[in-house]
């Protein structure tokens, strides 16, 4: 890994899953910003549930249904949305289950980062916060970016949650690769209060963090921009508090494979963290057979 990371190490493709409604404006804005920053191709994926009435089925079969009109309107909307930018998105429309559609499209795009919104009161986006979250995160080979905030420039402050596992190591590697030159906070939580923790617990965790970085094979110049921090208390509450106090715009979480509900960072579930973190979240799945720490 090189601190002056080359473009070839960054994603060449992005996949944005959206229904093109106003509630998906935030992930669209972020996908546009990242596509321009990385000079990456952007595919906009819309998953439709398919015909639901006999009339819909009949019109769908003879090609006279609303599908063609939707394609035309969607292409026109994207052309207007991206006019004057360096990004020209491709539109892909598929029918069926939302999760299946995302996984199928992602499987054809190799190194693409998948982008989706997070809103607990919208059915489309409950794919992240609901019962299919585990399957989507576990089955995606690529990083999954869940967008919550408005886009105000590039991600300047990034936190990587650290439980000293291979999943956390891959999360750190991904953060450094995708966001070269940015400051990274490597954050570990001691699951007790600061008052109840042994006197040397924080120092021991800081030392363990240094040993963790020793095993990451970082190139010269990279380690200097990684700040090791230790928090106390419940994992989700500690990370959320640090995000707010330190103005973090992106949290990167390593996902342990082969768990029932996408177990991430020290046993917290992706659903719990995504519901509480006020910032965007990048979920990075560890490779099969990696050590859970």
C-alpha atoms as a PDB file:
ATOM      1  CA  UNK A   1       0.000   0.000   0.000  1.00  0.00           C
ATOM      2  CA  UNK A   2       1.313   3.424  -0.920  1.00  0.00           C
ATOM      3  CA  UNK A   3       0.330   6.727   0.676  1.00  0.00           C
ATOM      4  CA  UNK A   4       0.289   8.292  -2.790  1.00  0.00           C
ATOM      5  CA  UNK A   5      -2.134   5.631  -3.890  1.00  0.00           C
ATOM      6  CA  UNK A   6      -2.656   5.396  -7.642  1.00  0.00           C
ATOM      7  CA  UNK A   7      -5.996   5.571  -9.395  1.00  0.00           C
ATOM      8  CA  UNK A   8      -5.647   1.918 -10.362  1.00  0.00           C
ATOM      9  CA  UNK A   9      -6.129   0.905  -6.720  1.00  0.00           C
ATOM     10  CA  UNK A  10      -9.418   2.764  -6.408  1.00  0.00           C
ATOM     11  CA  UNK A  11     -12.786   1.443  -7.620  1.00  0.00           C
ATOM     12  CA  UNK A  12     -13.443   1.812 -11.329  1.00  0.00           C
ATOM     13  CA  UNK A  13     -17.174   1.265 -10.910  1.00  0.00           C
ATOM     14  CA  UNK A  14     -19.996   2.240  -8.576  1.00  0.00           C
ATOM     15  CA  UNK A  15     -23.430   0.652  -8.326  1.00  0.00           C
ATOM     16  CA  UNK A  16     -26.186   2.859  -6.911  1.00  0.00           C
ATOM     17  CA  UNK A  17     -29.378   1.021  -5.932  1.00  0.00           C
ATOM     18  CA  UNK A  18     -32.294   3.466  -5.934  1.00  0.00           C
ATOM     19  CA  UNK A  19     -35.932   3.921  -6.842  1.00  0.00           C
ATOM     20  CA  UNK A  20     -35.203   7.456  -8.152  1.00  0.00           C
ATOM     21  CA  UNK A  21     -37.625   9.007  -5.679  1.00  0.00           C
ATOM     22  CA  UNK A  22     -36.790  12.175  -3.704  1.00  0.00           C
ATOM     23  CA  UNK A  23     -36.008  10.052  -0.636  1.00  0.00           C
ATOM     24  CA  UNK A  24     -33.033   8.604  -2.556  1.00  0.00           C
ATOM     25  CA  UNK A  25     -31.487  11.983  -3.371  1.00  0.00           C
ATOM     26  CA  UNK A  26     -28.784  11.672  -0.698  1.00  0.00           C
ATOM     27  CA  UNK A  27     -27.286   8.378  -1.940  1.00  0.00           C
ATOM     28  CA  UNK A  28     -27.505   9.680  -5.514  1.00  0.00           C
ATOM     29  CA  UNK A  29     -25.574  12.829  -4.570  1.00  0.00           C
ATOM     30  CA  UNK A  30     -22.916  10.769  -2.787  1.00  0.00           C
ATOM     31  CA  UNK A  31     -22.586   8.319  -5.678  1.00  0.00           C
ATOM     32  CA  UNK A  32     -22.123  11.242  -8.072  1.00  0.00           C
ATOM     33  CA  UNK A  33     -19.440  12.783  -5.830  1.00  0.00           C
ATOM     34  CA  UNK A  34     -17.539   9.518  -5.472  1.00  0.00           C
ATOM     35  CA  UNK A  35     -17.783   8.695  -9.169  1.00  0.00           C
ATOM     36  CA  UNK A  36     -16.214  12.065  -9.966  1.00  0.00           C
ATOM     37  CA  UNK A  37     -13.551  11.712  -7.242  1.00  0.00           C
ATOM     38  CA  UNK A  38     -12.557   8.202  -8.323  1.00  0.00           C
ATOM     39  CA  UNK A  39     -13.197   8.813 -12.047  1.00  0.00           C
ATOM     40  CA  UNK A  40     -15.325   5.691 -11.879  1.00  0.00           C
ATOM     41  CA  UNK A  41     -18.194   4.455 -14.020  1.00  0.00           C
ATOM     42  CA  UNK A  42     -21.582   4.729 -12.308  1.00  0.00           C
ATOM     43  CA  UNK A  43     -24.446   2.292 -12.843  1.00  0.00           C
ATOM     44  CA  UNK A  44     -27.851   3.330 -11.478  1.00  0.00           C
ATOM     45  CA  UNK A  45     -29.882   0.232 -10.618  1.00  0.00           C
ATOM     46  CA  UNK A  46     -33.656   0.298 -10.223  1.00  0.00           C
ATOM     47  CA  UNK A  47     -35.320  -2.898  -9.006  1.00  0.00           C
ATOM     48  CA  UNK A  48     -39.014  -3.141  -9.810  1.00  0.00           C
ATOM     49  CA  UNK A  49     -41.312  -5.686  -8.227  1.00  0.00           C
ATOM     50  CA  UNK A  50     -42.859  -6.589 -11.587  1.00  0.00           C
ATOM     51  CA  UNK A  51     -46.534  -6.649 -12.672  1.00  0.00           C
ATOM     52  CA  UNK A  52     -48.987  -7.082  -9.809  1.00  0.00           C
ATOM     53  CA  UNK A  53     -52.396  -7.223 -11.541  1.00  0.00           C
ATOM     54  CA  UNK A  54     -53.742  -9.213 -14.523  1.00  0.00           C
ATOM     55  CA  UNK A  55     -53.835  -5.968 -16.518  1.00  0.00           C
ATOM     56  CA  UNK A  56     -50.204  -5.275 -15.647  1.00  0.00           C
ATOM     57  CA  UNK A  57     -49.215  -8.799 -16.691  1.00  0.00           C
ATOM     58  CA  UNK A  58     -51.036  -8.506 -20.012  1.00  0.00           C
ATOM     59  CA  UNK A  59     -49.481  -5.150 -20.878  1.00  0.00           C
ATOM     60  CA  UNK A  60     -46.063  -6.365 -19.714  1.00  0.00           C
ATOM     61  CA  UNK A  61     -46.271  -9.416 -21.995  1.00  0.00           C
ATOM     62  CA  UNK A  62     -47.193  -7.444 -25.107  1.00  0.00           C
ATOM     63  CA  UNK A  63     -44.722  -4.648 -24.371  1.00  0.00           C
ATOM     64  CA  UNK A  64     -47.368  -1.947 -24.065  1.00  0.00           C
ATOM     65  CA  UNK A  65     -47.099  -1.445 -20.324  1.00  0.00           C
ATOM     66  CA  UNK A  66     -45.569   1.411 -18.343  1.00  0.00           C
ATOM     67  CA  UNK A  67     -42.087  -0.114 -18.449  1.00  0.00           C
ATOM     68  CA  UNK A  68     -41.010   1.672 -21.601  1.00  0.00           C
ATOM     69  CA  UNK A  69     -42.354   4.965 -20.311  1.00  0.00           C
ATOM     70  CA  UNK A  70     -40.485   4.460 -17.054  1.00  0.00           C
ATOM     71  CA  UNK A  71     -37.212   3.768 -18.874  1.00  0.00           C
ATOM     72  CA  UNK A  72     -37.630   6.913 -20.938  1.00  0.00           C
ATOM     73  CA  UNK A  73     -38.502   9.065 -17.905  1.00  0.00           C
ATOM     74  CA  UNK A  74     -35.665   7.619 -15.830  1.00  0.00           C
ATOM     75  CA  UNK A  75     -33.072   8.212 -18.538  1.00  0.00           C
ATOM     76  CA  UNK A  76     -34.310  11.779 -18.996  1.00  0.00           C
ATOM     77  CA  UNK A  77     -34.171  12.406 -15.257  1.00  0.00           C
ATOM     78  CA  UNK A  78     -30.628  11.065 -14.969  1.00  0.00           C
ATOM     79  CA  UNK A  79     -29.494  13.088 -17.978  1.00  0.00           C
ATOM     80  CA  UNK A  80     -30.824  16.237 -16.335  1.00  0.00           C
ATOM     81  CA  UNK A  81     -29.472  15.302 -12.915  1.00  0.00           C
ATOM     82  CA  UNK A  82     -25.925  14.740 -14.199  1.00  0.00           C
ATOM     83  CA  UNK A  83     -25.841  17.519 -16.800  1.00  0.00           C
ATOM     84  CA  UNK A  84     -22.680  19.575 -16.526  1.00  0.00           C
ATOM     85  CA  UNK A  85     -20.801  16.953 -14.511  1.00  0.00           C
ATOM     86  CA  UNK A  86     -18.022  14.609 -15.502  1.00  0.00           C
ATOM     87  CA  UNK A  87     -20.238  11.592 -14.745  1.00  0.00           C
ATOM     88  CA  UNK A  88     -22.502   9.895 -17.289  1.00  0.00           C
ATOM     89  CA  UNK A  89     -24.442   7.151 -15.479  1.00  0.00           C
ATOM     90  CA  UNK A  90     -25.743   3.963 -17.056  1.00  0.00           C
ATOM     91  CA  UNK A  91     -29.293   2.913 -16.162  1.00  0.00           C
ATOM     92  CA  UNK A  92     -30.132  -0.700 -15.359  1.00  0.00           C
ATOM     93  CA  UNK A  93     -33.700  -1.769 -14.556  1.00  0.00           C
ATOM     94  CA  UNK A  94     -34.473  -5.278 -13.331  1.00  0.00           C
ATOM     95  CA  UNK A  95     -37.574  -6.944 -11.935  1.00  0.00           C
ATOM     96  CA  UNK A  96     -37.946  -9.099  -8.873  1.00  0.00           C
ATOM     97  CA  UNK A  97     -36.756  -9.106  -5.287  1.00  0.00           C
ATOM     98  CA  UNK A  98     -34.751  -6.027  -4.314  1.00  0.00           C
ATOM     99  CA  UNK A  99     -31.971  -7.945  -2.580  1.00  0.00           C
ATOM    100  CA  UNK A 100     -31.680 -10.445  -5.434  1.00  0.00           C
ATOM    101  CA  UNK A 101     -31.552  -7.595  -7.912  1.00  0.00           C
ATOM    102  CA  UNK A 102     -28.749  -5.806  -6.070  1.00  0.00           C
ATOM    103  CA  UNK A 103     -26.724  -8.977  -5.615  1.00  0.00           C
ATOM    104  CA  UNK A 104     -27.186  -9.973  -9.253  1.00  0.00           C
ATOM    105  CA  UNK A 105     -26.131  -6.594 -10.595  1.00  0.00           C
ATOM    106  CA  UNK A 106     -23.172  -6.360  -8.228  1.00  0.00           C
ATOM    107  CA  UNK A 107     -21.958  -9.806  -9.293  1.00  0.00           C
ATOM    108  CA  UNK A 108     -21.467  -8.518 -12.833  1.00  0.00           C
ATOM    109  CA  UNK A 109     -19.514  -5.414 -11.788  1.00  0.00           C
ATOM    110  CA  UNK A 110     -16.433  -6.875 -10.129  1.00  0.00           C
ATOM    111  CA  UNK A 111     -14.813  -4.222  -7.957  1.00  0.00           C
ATOM    112  CA  UNK A 112     -17.809  -1.873  -7.793  1.00  0.00           C
ATOM    113  CA  UNK A 113     -18.669  -0.224  -4.500  1.00  0.00           C
ATOM    114  CA  UNK A 114     -22.409  -0.632  -3.883  1.00  0.00           C
ATOM    115  CA  UNK A 115     -24.259   2.482  -2.676  1.00  0.00           C
ATOM    116  CA  UNK A 116     -27.688   2.551  -1.057  1.00  0.00           C
ATOM    117  CA  UNK A 117     -29.655   4.856   1.205  1.00  0.00           C
ATOM    118  CA  UNK A 118     -30.688   4.354   4.826  1.00  0.00           C
ATOM    119  CA  UNK A 119     -34.117   5.438   5.974  1.00  0.00           C
ATOM    120  CA  UNK A 120     -36.018   3.340   8.514  1.00  0.00           C
ATOM    121  CA  UNK A 121     -39.463   4.484   7.371  1.00  0.00           C
ATOM    122  CA  UNK A 122     -39.121   3.671   3.652  1.00  0.00           C
ATOM    123  CA  UNK A 123     -39.878   0.115   2.432  1.00  0.00           C
ATOM    124  CA  UNK A 124     -37.197   0.099  -0.300  1.00  0.00           C
ATOM    125  CA  UNK A 125     -34.473   1.123   2.069  1.00  0.00           C
ATOM    126  CA  UNK A 126     -35.573  -1.244   4.821  1.00  0.00           C
ATOM    127  CA  UNK A 127     -33.612  -3.815   2.826  1.00  0.00           C
ATOM    128  CA  UNK A 128     -30.678  -2.499   4.850  1.00  0.00           C
ATOM    129  CA  UNK A 129     -32.362  -2.057   8.223  1.00  0.00           C
ATOM    130  CA  UNK A 130     -34.741  -4.999   8.045  1.00  0.00           C
ATOM    131  CA  UNK A 131     -34.643  -8.765   7.868  1.00  0.00           C
ATOM    132  CA  UNK A 132     -32.635  -8.996   4.640  1.00  0.00           C
ATOM    133  CA  UNK A 133     -29.710  -6.942   5.954  1.00  0.00           C
ATOM    134  CA  UNK A 134     -27.743 -10.019   6.945  1.00  0.00           C
ATOM    135  CA  UNK A 135     -28.076 -11.640   3.546  1.00  0.00           C
ATOM    136  CA  UNK A 136     -27.194  -8.530   1.559  1.00  0.00           C
ATOM    137  CA  UNK A 137     -24.111  -7.702   3.622  1.00  0.00           C
ATOM    138  CA  UNK A 138     -22.957 -11.297   3.880  1.00  0.00           C
ATOM    139  CA  UNK A 139     -23.388 -12.137   0.197  1.00  0.00           C
ATOM    140  CA  UNK A 140     -21.933  -8.958  -1.313  1.00  0.00           C
ATOM    141  CA  UNK A 141     -18.285  -9.426  -2.205  1.00  0.00           C
ATOM    142  CA  UNK A 142     -17.894  -5.664  -2.596  1.00  0.00           C
ATOM    143  CA  UNK A 143     -18.020  -2.925   0.038  1.00  0.00           C
ATOM    144  CA  UNK A 144     -21.523  -1.625   0.796  1.00  0.00           C
ATOM    145  CA  UNK A 145     -21.883   2.114   1.416  1.00  0.00           C
ATOM    146  CA  UNK A 146     -25.023   3.092   3.333  1.00  0.00           C
ATOM    147  CA  UNK A 147     -25.667   6.819   2.891  1.00  0.00           C
ATOM    148  CA  UNK A 148     -27.482   8.770   5.571  1.00  0.00           C
ATOM    149  CA  UNK A 149     -26.112  12.321   5.452  1.00  0.00           C
ATOM    150  CA  UNK A 150     -26.186  15.040   2.835  1.00  0.00           C
ATOM    151  CA  UNK A 151     -23.090  15.210   0.665  1.00  0.00           C
ATOM    152  CA  UNK A 152     -20.855  18.113   1.593  1.00  0.00           C
ATOM    153  CA  UNK A 153     -17.695  17.332  -0.313  1.00  0.00           C
ATOM    154  CA  UNK A 154     -15.392  14.357   0.095  1.00  0.00           C
ATOM    155  CA  UNK A 155     -15.190  12.269   3.247  1.00  0.00           C
ATOM    156  CA  UNK A 156     -12.581  14.182   5.231  1.00  0.00           C
ATOM    157  CA  UNK A 157     -12.817  12.336   8.551  1.00  0.00           C
ATOM    158  CA  UNK A 158     -13.085   8.539   8.608  1.00  0.00           C
ATOM    159  CA  UNK A 159     -13.386   6.167  11.574  1.00  0.00           C
ATOM    160  CA  UNK A 160     -12.528   2.458  11.302  1.00  0.00           C
ATOM    161  CA  UNK A 161     -13.975   0.311  14.082  1.00  0.00           C
ATOM    162  CA  UNK A 162     -11.354  -2.075  15.407  1.00  0.00           C
ATOM    163  CA  UNK A 163     -11.765  -5.352  17.299  1.00  0.00           C
ATOM    164  CA  UNK A 164      -8.252  -6.509  16.240  1.00  0.00           C
ATOM    165  CA  UNK A 165      -9.696  -9.115  13.842  1.00  0.00           C
ATOM    166  CA  UNK A 166      -9.023  -9.819  10.175  1.00  0.00           C
ATOM    167  CA  UNK A 167     -12.369  -8.174   9.450  1.00  0.00           C
ATOM    168  CA  UNK A 168     -11.097  -4.939  11.020  1.00  0.00           C
ATOM    169  CA  UNK A 169      -7.820  -5.276   9.142  1.00  0.00           C
ATOM    170  CA  UNK A 170      -9.665  -5.521   5.830  1.00  0.00           C
ATOM    171  CA  UNK A 171     -11.849  -2.566   6.808  1.00  0.00           C
ATOM    172  CA  UNK A 172      -8.749  -0.459   7.488  1.00  0.00           C
ATOM    173  CA  UNK A 173      -7.119  -1.554   4.244  1.00  0.00           C
ATOM    174  CA  UNK A 174     -10.277  -0.610   2.332  1.00  0.00           C
ATOM    175  CA  UNK A 175     -10.524   2.800   4.011  1.00  0.00           C
ATOM    176  CA  UNK A 176      -6.904   3.596   3.182  1.00  0.00           C
ATOM    177  CA  UNK A 177      -7.333   2.424  -0.408  1.00  0.00           C
ATOM    178  CA  UNK A 178     -10.570   4.280  -1.117  1.00  0.00           C
ATOM    179  CA  UNK A 179      -9.673   7.497   0.696  1.00  0.00           C
ATOM    180  CA  UNK A 180      -5.945   8.179   0.278  1.00  0.00           C
ATOM    181  CA  UNK A 181      -4.505  11.089   2.202  1.00  0.00           C
ATOM    182  CA  UNK A 182      -7.360  11.264   4.713  1.00  0.00           C
ATOM    183  CA  UNK A 183      -6.939  11.039   8.445  1.00  0.00           C
ATOM    184  CA  UNK A 184      -8.142   7.711   9.843  1.00  0.00           C
ATOM    185  CA  UNK A 185      -9.237   7.090  13.426  1.00  0.00           C
ATOM    186  CA  UNK A 186      -8.789   3.443  14.427  1.00  0.00           C
ATOM    187  CA  UNK A 187     -11.328   3.075  17.224  1.00  0.00           C
ATOM    188  CA  UNK A 188     -11.596   0.308  19.821  1.00  0.00           C
ATOM    189  CA  UNK A 189     -14.223   0.067  22.556  1.00  0.00           C
ATOM    190  CA  UNK A 190     -13.668  -1.288  26.054  1.00  0.00           C
ATOM    191  CA  UNK A 191     -17.092  -2.539  27.097  1.00  0.00           C
ATOM    192  CA  UNK A 192     -17.089  -1.013  30.562  1.00  0.00           C
ATOM    193  CA  UNK A 193     -17.221   2.517  31.903  1.00  0.00           C
ATOM    194  CA  UNK A 194     -14.055   4.548  32.221  1.00  0.00           C
ATOM    195  CA  UNK A 195     -14.529   4.526  36.004  1.00  0.00           C
ATOM    196  CA  UNK A 196     -14.891   0.733  36.200  1.00  0.00           C
ATOM    197  CA  UNK A 197     -12.064  -0.145  33.801  1.00  0.00           C
ATOM    198  CA  UNK A 198      -8.700  -1.257  35.233  1.00  0.00           C
ATOM    199  CA  UNK A 199      -6.255   1.667  35.469  1.00  0.00           C
ATOM    200  CA  UNK A 200      -4.070   0.416  32.635  1.00  0.00           C
ATOM    201  CA  UNK A 201      -6.866  -0.899  30.373  1.00  0.00           C
ATOM    202  CA  UNK A 202      -6.826   2.033  27.957  1.00  0.00           C
ATOM    203  CA  UNK A 203      -3.041   2.006  27.667  1.00  0.00           C
ATOM    204  CA  UNK A 204      -3.072  -1.742  27.062  1.00  0.00           C
ATOM    205  CA  UNK A 205      -5.629  -1.277  24.263  1.00  0.00           C
ATOM    206  CA  UNK A 206      -3.557   1.492  22.702  1.00  0.00           C
ATOM    207  CA  UNK A 207      -0.528  -0.801  22.738  1.00  0.00           C
ATOM    208  CA  UNK A 208      -2.613  -3.591  21.206  1.00  0.00           C
ATOM    209  CA  UNK A 209      -3.671  -1.151  18.503  1.00  0.00           C
ATOM    210  CA  UNK A 210      -0.029  -0.427  17.706  1.00  0.00           C
ATOM    211  CA  UNK A 211       0.678  -4.163  17.431  1.00  0.00           C
ATOM    212  CA  UNK A 212      -2.378  -4.498  15.200  1.00  0.00           C
ATOM    213  CA  UNK A 213      -0.923  -1.877  12.850  1.00  0.00           C
ATOM    214  CA  UNK A 214       2.430  -3.683  12.925  1.00  0.00           C
ATOM    215  CA  UNK A 215       0.640  -6.628  11.324  1.00  0.00           C
ATOM    216  CA  UNK A 216      -0.989  -4.557   8.589  1.00  0.00           C
ATOM    217  CA  UNK A 217       2.169  -4.160   6.453  1.00  0.00           C
ATOM    218  CA  UNK A 218       1.627  -0.426   5.938  1.00  0.00           C
ATOM    219  CA  UNK A 219       3.971   1.477   3.681  1.00  0.00           C
ATOM    220  CA  UNK A 220       6.025   4.386   4.954  1.00  0.00           C
ATOM    221  CA  UNK A 221       3.938   7.505   5.396  1.00  0.00           C
ATOM    222  CA  UNK A 222       0.645   5.725   5.886  1.00  0.00           C
ATOM    223  CA  UNK A 223       0.857   5.034   9.600  1.00  0.00           C
ATOM    224  CA  UNK A 224       1.388   8.694  10.412  1.00  0.00           C
ATOM    225  CA  UNK A 225      -2.160   9.527   9.404  1.00  0.00           C
ATOM    226  CA  UNK A 226      -3.762   6.786  11.511  1.00  0.00           C
ATOM    227  CA  UNK A 227      -4.835   7.881  14.987  1.00  0.00           C
ATOM    228  CA  UNK A 228      -5.549   5.120  17.517  1.00  0.00           C
ATOM    229  CA  UNK A 229      -8.366   5.880  19.968  1.00  0.00           C
ATOM    230  CA  UNK A 230     -10.058   3.911  22.756  1.00  0.00           C
ATOM    231  CA  UNK A 231     -13.613   4.394  23.989  1.00  0.00           C
ATOM    232  CA  UNK A 232     -15.654   2.947  26.860  1.00  0.00           C
ATOM    233  CA  UNK A 233     -19.163   1.563  27.277  1.00  0.00           C
ATOM    234  CA  UNK A 234     -21.594  -0.080  24.908  1.00  0.00           C
ATOM    235  CA  UNK A 235     -20.121  -0.369  21.428  1.00  0.00           C
ATOM    236  CA  UNK A 236     -22.875   1.387  19.502  1.00  0.00           C
ATOM    237  CA  UNK A 237     -23.200   4.207  22.041  1.00  0.00           C
ATOM    238  CA  UNK A 238     -19.437   4.727  22.248  1.00  0.00           C
ATOM    239  CA  UNK A 239     -18.934   4.873  18.489  1.00  0.00           C
ATOM    240  CA  UNK A 240     -21.950   7.140  18.021  1.00  0.00           C
ATOM    241  CA  UNK A 241     -20.733   9.529  20.709  1.00  0.00           C
ATOM    242  CA  UNK A 242     -17.261   9.711  19.158  1.00  0.00           C
ATOM    243  CA  UNK A 243     -18.726  10.269  15.679  1.00  0.00           C
ATOM    244  CA  UNK A 244     -20.733  13.238  16.919  1.00  0.00           C
ATOM    245  CA  UNK A 245     -18.001  14.762  19.064  1.00  0.00           C
ATOM    246  CA  UNK A 246     -15.264  14.390  16.448  1.00  0.00           C
ATOM    247  CA  UNK A 247     -17.278  15.317  13.363  1.00  0.00           C
ATOM    248  CA  UNK A 248     -16.798  11.939  11.673  1.00  0.00           C
ATOM    249  CA  UNK A 249     -18.489  11.699   8.255  1.00  0.00           C
ATOM    250  CA  UNK A 250     -17.874   8.010   7.531  1.00  0.00           C
ATOM    251  CA  UNK A 251     -17.559   4.890   9.696  1.00  0.00           C
ATOM    252  CA  UNK A 252     -16.016   1.763   8.174  1.00  0.00           C
ATOM    253  CA  UNK A 253     -17.035  -1.564   9.717  1.00  0.00           C
ATOM    254  CA  UNK A 254     -15.551  -4.977   9.109  1.00  0.00           C
ATOM    255  CA  UNK A 255     -18.213  -7.659   8.706  1.00  0.00           C
ATOM    256  CA  UNK A 256     -17.426 -11.132   9.981  1.00  0.00           C
ATOM    257  CA  UNK A 257     -18.533 -13.808   7.492  1.00  0.00           C
ATOM    258  CA  UNK A 258     -20.854 -16.728   8.113  1.00  0.00           C
ATOM    259  CA  UNK A 259     -22.816 -15.183  10.946  1.00  0.00           C
ATOM    260  CA  UNK A 260     -26.569 -15.260  11.316  1.00  0.00           C
ATOM    261  CA  UNK A 261     -27.235 -11.505  11.423  1.00  0.00           C
ATOM    262  CA  UNK A 262     -24.114  -9.976   9.890  1.00  0.00           C
ATOM    263  CA  UNK A 263     -22.097  -9.703  13.094  1.00  0.00           C
ATOM    264  CA  UNK A 264     -19.841  -6.673  12.951  1.00  0.00           C
ATOM    265  CA  UNK A 265     -17.363  -5.038  15.303  1.00  0.00           C
ATOM    266  CA  UNK A 266     -17.288  -6.790  18.643  1.00  0.00           C
ATOM    267  CA  UNK A 267     -20.634  -8.546  18.247  1.00  0.00           C
ATOM    268  CA  UNK A 268     -22.906  -5.595  17.483  1.00  0.00           C
ATOM    269  CA  UNK A 269     -25.309  -6.189  14.614  1.00  0.00           C
ATOM    270  CA  UNK A 270     -25.293  -4.163  11.430  1.00  0.00           C
ATOM    271  CA  UNK A 271     -28.941  -3.289  12.047  1.00  0.00           C
ATOM    272  CA  UNK A 272     -28.185  -1.789  15.456  1.00  0.00           C
ATOM    273  CA  UNK A 273     -25.249   0.286  14.229  1.00  0.00           C
ATOM    274  CA  UNK A 274     -26.970   1.481  11.056  1.00  0.00           C
ATOM    275  CA  UNK A 275     -30.004   2.587  13.022  1.00  0.00           C
ATOM    276  CA  UNK A 276     -27.965   4.621  15.483  1.00  0.00           C
ATOM    277  CA  UNK A 277     -24.945   5.992  13.638  1.00  0.00           C
ATOM    278  CA  UNK A 278     -25.722   9.521  12.399  1.00  0.00           C
ATOM    279  CA  UNK A 279     -23.158   9.369   9.601  1.00  0.00           C
ATOM    280  CA  UNK A 280     -22.606   7.241   6.483  1.00  0.00           C
ATOM    281  CA  UNK A 281     -21.377   3.676   6.973  1.00  0.00           C
ATOM    282  CA  UNK A 282     -19.163   1.504   4.786  1.00  0.00           C
ATOM    283  CA  UNK A 283     -19.519  -2.239   5.435  1.00  0.00           C
ATOM    284  CA  UNK A 284     -16.603  -4.398   4.329  1.00  0.00           C
ATOM    285  CA  UNK A 285     -16.942  -8.169   4.430  1.00  0.00           C
ATOM    286  CA  UNK A 286     -13.955 -10.191   5.578  1.00  0.00           C
ATOM    287  CA  UNK A 287     -12.767 -13.055   3.412  1.00  0.00           C
ATOM    288  CA  UNK A 288     -14.107 -16.543   4.074  1.00  0.00           C
ATOM    289  CA  UNK A 289     -12.197 -18.391   6.744  1.00  0.00           C
ATOM    290  CA  UNK A 290     -10.719 -15.247   8.285  1.00  0.00           C
ATOM    291  CA  UNK A 291     -10.116 -15.074  11.997  1.00  0.00           C
ATOM    292  CA  UNK A 292     -12.873 -13.391  13.979  1.00  0.00           C
ATOM    293  CA  UNK A 293     -10.300 -12.112  16.403  1.00  0.00           C
END
